Amino acid sequence: MLQLIYVVAFTVLALLAMANLIRSLLTLGIESQRQFSPQRVTHPELLDSDGHVIDEPLLVMRSLSVEDARAQLDAIYRESPSYGDDPRGETQA
């Protein structure tokens, strides 16, 4: 008798799940057919002081050679406050 109750309960749960799945699919299909008016939201950094969209490139990069990049990184490292502090006790020349 207990097994029959389990079968009936899981059958009801399965039917409810299938009904919910079908209802969700129908709702999704109906909402995908609706036409939305395109509202264009622009990020504030892409606007000039008057509120118009900027058409020019925002980032211009120049290529560096490996030696130039290494020299710039070494200069930044030498300017850091902990440049002379070596944990092994060695000093930089």
N, C-alpha and C. Protein backbone atom coordinates (compact mmCIF):
# COMPACT_ATOMS: atom_id res chain seq x y z
N MET A 1 0.82 -1.20 0.00
CA MET A 1 0.00 0.00 0.00
C MET A 1 0.87 1.27 0.00
N LEU A 2 1.96 1.26 0.78
CA LEU A 2 2.85 2.40 0.85
C LEU A 2 3.52 2.66 -0.50
N GLN A 3 3.82 1.61 -1.21
CA GLN A 3 4.45 1.77 -2.53
C GLN A 3 3.50 2.42 -3.51
N LEU A 4 2.24 2.14 -3.42
CA LEU A 4 1.23 2.75 -4.29
C LEU A 4 1.12 4.25 -4.02
N ILE A 5 1.22 4.64 -2.75
CA ILE A 5 1.16 6.07 -2.40
C ILE A 5 2.38 6.79 -2.98
N TYR A 6 3.57 6.17 -2.89
CA TYR A 6 4.77 6.76 -3.47
C TYR A 6 4.64 6.93 -4.98
N VAL A 7 4.13 5.93 -5.65
CA VAL A 7 3.97 6.01 -7.11
C VAL A 7 3.01 7.12 -7.47
N VAL A 8 1.90 7.23 -6.76
CA VAL A 8 0.91 8.28 -7.04
C VAL A 8 1.52 9.66 -6.75
N ALA A 9 2.24 9.79 -5.63
CA ALA A 9 2.82 11.09 -5.27
C ALA A 9 3.86 11.53 -6.30
N PHE A 10 4.74 10.62 -6.72
CA PHE A 10 5.75 11.01 -7.70
C PHE A 10 5.14 11.24 -9.08
N THR A 11 4.05 10.56 -9.40
CA THR A 11 3.36 10.82 -10.67
C THR A 11 2.76 12.22 -10.67
N VAL A 12 2.16 12.61 -9.54
CA VAL A 12 1.59 13.96 -9.44
C VAL A 12 2.70 15.00 -9.54
N LEU A 13 3.82 14.77 -8.84
CA LEU A 13 4.93 15.72 -8.92
C LEU A 13 5.50 15.81 -10.33
N ALA A 14 5.59 14.69 -11.03
CA ALA A 14 6.09 14.70 -12.40
C ALA A 14 5.14 15.47 -13.31
N LEU A 15 3.85 15.29 -13.14
CA LEU A 15 2.88 16.02 -13.97
C LEU A 15 2.93 17.52 -13.68
N LEU A 16 3.09 17.90 -12.41
CA LEU A 16 3.22 19.32 -12.09
C LEU A 16 4.49 19.92 -12.70
N ALA A 17 5.58 19.18 -12.65
CA ALA A 17 6.84 19.67 -13.23
C ALA A 17 6.71 19.83 -14.74
N MET A 18 6.07 18.87 -15.41
CA MET A 18 5.89 18.97 -16.87
C MET A 18 4.97 20.14 -17.22
N ALA A 19 3.92 20.35 -16.44
CA ALA A 19 3.01 21.48 -16.70
C ALA A 19 3.75 22.80 -16.53
N ASN A 20 4.60 22.88 -15.50
CA ASN A 20 5.37 24.10 -15.27
C ASN A 20 6.37 24.32 -16.41
N LEU A 21 7.00 23.26 -16.89
CA LEU A 21 7.93 23.36 -18.01
C LEU A 21 7.24 23.85 -19.27
N ILE A 22 6.09 23.30 -19.57
CA ILE A 22 5.34 23.72 -20.77
C ILE A 22 4.89 25.16 -20.64
N ARG A 23 4.41 25.56 -19.44
CA ARG A 23 3.97 26.94 -19.23
C ARG A 23 5.15 27.91 -19.39
N SER A 24 6.32 27.52 -18.88
CA SER A 24 7.50 28.38 -19.01
C SER A 24 7.94 28.50 -20.47
N LEU A 25 7.89 27.40 -21.21
CA LEU A 25 8.26 27.46 -22.63
C LEU A 25 7.30 28.35 -23.41
N LEU A 26 6.01 28.26 -23.13
CA LEU A 26 5.04 29.12 -23.82
C LEU A 26 5.26 30.58 -23.48
N THR A 27 5.52 30.87 -22.21
CA THR A 27 5.76 32.25 -21.80
C THR A 27 7.02 32.80 -22.46
N LEU A 28 8.06 31.99 -22.50
CA LEU A 28 9.30 32.41 -23.15
C LEU A 28 9.09 32.66 -24.64
N GLY A 29 8.33 31.80 -25.30
CA GLY A 29 8.05 31.98 -26.72
C GLY A 29 7.26 33.25 -27.00
N ILE A 30 6.29 33.53 -26.15
CA ILE A 30 5.48 34.75 -26.33
C ILE A 30 6.32 35.99 -26.10
N GLU A 31 7.16 35.98 -25.05
CA GLU A 31 7.98 37.15 -24.76
C GLU A 31 9.07 37.38 -25.81
N SER A 32 9.52 36.32 -26.45
CA SER A 32 10.55 36.50 -27.48
C SER A 32 9.97 37.09 -28.75
N GLN A 33 8.67 37.01 -28.94
CA GLN A 33 8.03 37.57 -30.12
C GLN A 33 7.72 39.05 -29.96
N ARG A 34 7.75 39.56 -28.73
CA ARG A 34 7.46 40.97 -28.52
C ARG A 34 8.58 41.83 -29.06
N GLN A 35 8.22 42.98 -29.58
CA GLN A 35 9.19 43.94 -30.09
C GLN A 35 9.46 44.99 -29.02
N PHE A 36 10.70 45.14 -28.67
CA PHE A 36 11.09 46.14 -27.69
C PHE A 36 11.70 47.33 -28.42
N SER A 37 11.41 48.51 -27.92
CA SER A 37 12.05 49.69 -28.50
C SER A 37 13.49 49.74 -28.00
N PRO A 38 14.44 49.89 -28.91
CA PRO A 38 15.85 49.87 -28.48
C PRO A 38 16.18 51.15 -27.71
N GLN A 39 16.49 50.98 -26.45
CA GLN A 39 16.92 52.11 -25.64
C GLN A 39 18.43 52.00 -25.49
N ARG A 40 19.11 52.92 -26.07
CA ARG A 40 20.57 52.88 -26.07
C ARG A 40 21.10 53.62 -24.86
N VAL A 41 21.68 52.87 -23.96
CA VAL A 41 22.28 53.46 -22.76
C VAL A 41 23.78 53.51 -22.99
N THR A 42 24.33 54.71 -22.91
CA THR A 42 25.74 54.90 -23.18
C THR A 42 26.48 55.13 -21.88
N HIS A 43 27.65 54.54 -21.79
CA HIS A 43 28.48 54.70 -20.60
C HIS A 43 28.93 56.16 -20.51
N PRO A 44 28.96 56.74 -19.31
CA PRO A 44 29.31 58.16 -19.17
C PRO A 44 30.70 58.51 -19.70
N GLU A 45 31.63 57.57 -19.69
CA GLU A 45 32.98 57.88 -20.18
C GLU A 45 33.02 58.04 -21.69
N LEU A 46 31.97 57.59 -22.39
CA LEU A 46 31.93 57.72 -23.85
C LEU A 46 31.23 59.00 -24.30
N LEU A 47 30.90 59.87 -23.35
CA LEU A 47 30.22 61.13 -23.68
C LEU A 47 31.17 62.30 -23.44
N ASP A 48 31.01 63.34 -24.25
CA ASP A 48 31.80 64.54 -24.02
C ASP A 48 31.10 65.43 -22.99
N SER A 49 31.60 66.63 -22.80
CA SER A 49 31.04 67.50 -21.77
C SER A 49 29.62 67.95 -22.09
N ASP A 50 29.23 67.92 -23.38
CA ASP A 50 27.88 68.31 -23.76
C ASP A 50 26.90 67.14 -23.76
N GLY A 51 27.40 65.93 -23.54
CA GLY A 51 26.52 64.76 -23.51
C GLY A 51 26.42 64.03 -24.83
N HIS A 52 27.25 64.40 -25.81
CA HIS A 52 27.24 63.73 -27.12
C HIS A 52 28.25 62.59 -27.12
N VAL A 53 27.95 61.56 -27.92
CA VAL A 53 28.81 60.39 -28.00
C VAL A 53 30.11 60.76 -28.69
N ILE A 54 31.23 60.29 -28.15
CA ILE A 54 32.55 60.56 -28.72
C ILE A 54 32.81 59.57 -29.86
N ASP A 55 33.28 60.06 -31.00
CA ASP A 55 33.56 59.21 -32.14
C ASP A 55 35.04 58.89 -32.31
N GLU A 56 35.88 59.51 -31.53
CA GLU A 56 37.32 59.31 -31.69
C GLU A 56 37.80 58.16 -30.81
N PRO A 57 38.92 57.58 -31.15
CA PRO A 57 39.43 56.48 -30.32
C PRO A 57 39.85 57.00 -28.95
N LEU A 58 39.59 56.19 -27.93
CA LEU A 58 39.88 56.61 -26.57
C LEU A 58 41.26 56.19 -26.10
N LEU A 59 41.84 55.20 -26.74
CA LEU A 59 43.13 54.71 -26.31
C LEU A 59 44.01 54.52 -27.53
N VAL A 60 45.17 55.13 -27.49
CA VAL A 60 46.13 54.98 -28.56
C VAL A 60 47.37 54.37 -27.94
N MET A 61 47.79 53.24 -28.48
CA MET A 61 48.96 52.56 -27.94
C MET A 61 50.06 52.56 -28.98
N ARG A 62 51.26 52.79 -28.52
CA ARG A 62 52.39 52.68 -29.43
C ARG A 62 53.15 51.42 -29.04
N SER A 63 53.77 50.83 -30.01
CA SER A 63 54.49 49.59 -29.72
C SER A 63 55.85 49.92 -29.12
N LEU A 64 56.29 49.09 -28.21
CA LEU A 64 57.58 49.24 -27.55
C LEU A 64 58.44 48.03 -27.86
N SER A 65 59.70 48.27 -27.90
CA SER A 65 60.59 47.12 -28.01
C SER A 65 60.75 46.51 -26.61
N VAL A 66 61.26 45.33 -26.56
CA VAL A 66 61.44 44.65 -25.29
C VAL A 66 62.43 45.41 -24.41
N GLU A 67 63.45 45.97 -25.02
CA GLU A 67 64.45 46.71 -24.25
C GLU A 67 63.84 47.98 -23.65
N ASP A 68 63.01 48.69 -24.42
CA ASP A 68 62.38 49.90 -23.89
C ASP A 68 61.45 49.56 -22.73
N ALA A 69 60.67 48.50 -22.88
CA ALA A 69 59.77 48.10 -21.81
C ALA A 69 60.54 47.70 -20.57
N ARG A 70 61.61 46.95 -20.75
CA ARG A 70 62.43 46.53 -19.61
C ARG A 70 63.06 47.74 -18.93
N ALA A 71 63.52 48.72 -19.72
CA ALA A 71 64.13 49.92 -19.14
C ALA A 71 63.10 50.71 -18.33
N GLN A 72 61.87 50.83 -18.85
CA GLN A 72 60.82 51.54 -18.12
C GLN A 72 60.46 50.82 -16.83
N LEU A 73 60.35 49.49 -16.88
CA LEU A 73 60.04 48.73 -15.67
C LEU A 73 61.17 48.83 -14.65
N ASP A 74 62.42 48.81 -15.12
CA ASP A 74 63.54 48.96 -14.19
C ASP A 74 63.53 50.35 -13.54
N ALA A 75 63.19 51.38 -14.31
CA ALA A 75 63.13 52.73 -13.75
C ALA A 75 62.02 52.82 -12.70
N ILE A 76 60.89 52.22 -12.96
CA ILE A 76 59.80 52.23 -11.98
C ILE A 76 60.23 51.48 -10.72
N TYR A 77 60.92 50.37 -10.91
CA TYR A 77 61.37 49.58 -9.76
C TYR A 77 62.38 50.36 -8.92
N ARG A 78 63.29 51.06 -9.59
CA ARG A 78 64.30 51.81 -8.86
C ARG A 78 63.69 52.98 -8.10
N GLU A 79 62.58 53.53 -8.59
CA GLU A 79 61.93 54.65 -7.92
C GLU A 79 61.04 54.21 -6.76
N SER A 80 60.80 52.91 -6.62
CA SER A 80 59.92 52.44 -5.55
C SER A 80 60.58 52.63 -4.19
N PRO A 81 59.79 52.83 -3.15
CA PRO A 81 60.35 53.09 -1.82
C PRO A 81 61.14 51.90 -1.26
N SER A 82 60.83 50.70 -1.66
CA SER A 82 61.51 49.53 -1.09
C SER A 82 62.64 49.04 -1.97
N TYR A 83 63.18 49.90 -2.82
CA TYR A 83 64.22 49.47 -3.76
C TYR A 83 65.47 49.03 -3.03
N GLY A 84 65.90 49.72 -1.98
CA GLY A 84 67.12 49.38 -1.27
C GLY A 84 66.93 48.29 -0.23
N ASP A 85 65.69 47.92 0.07
CA ASP A 85 65.41 46.92 1.10
C ASP A 85 65.41 45.53 0.49
N ASP A 86 66.49 44.82 0.64
CA ASP A 86 66.58 43.45 0.14
C ASP A 86 66.41 42.51 1.33
N PRO A 87 65.49 41.57 1.29
CA PRO A 87 65.26 40.69 2.44
C PRO A 87 66.47 39.82 2.78
N ARG A 88 67.39 39.60 1.84
CA ARG A 88 68.57 38.78 2.12
C ARG A 88 69.70 39.59 2.71
N GLY A 89 69.50 40.89 2.87
CA GLY A 89 70.53 41.74 3.46
C GLY A 89 71.51 42.30 2.46
N GLU A 90 71.31 42.00 1.17
CA GLU A 90 72.22 42.51 0.14
C GLU A 90 71.75 43.90 -0.27
N THR A 91 72.68 44.77 -0.61
CA THR A 91 72.34 46.10 -1.07
C THR A 91 72.45 46.15 -2.57
N GLN A 92 71.63 47.00 -3.16
CA GLN A 92 71.64 47.17 -4.61
C GLN A 92 72.73 48.16 -4.99
N ALA A 93 73.40 47.91 -6.09
CA ALA A 93 74.46 48.82 -6.55
C ALA A 93 73.93 49.78 -7.58
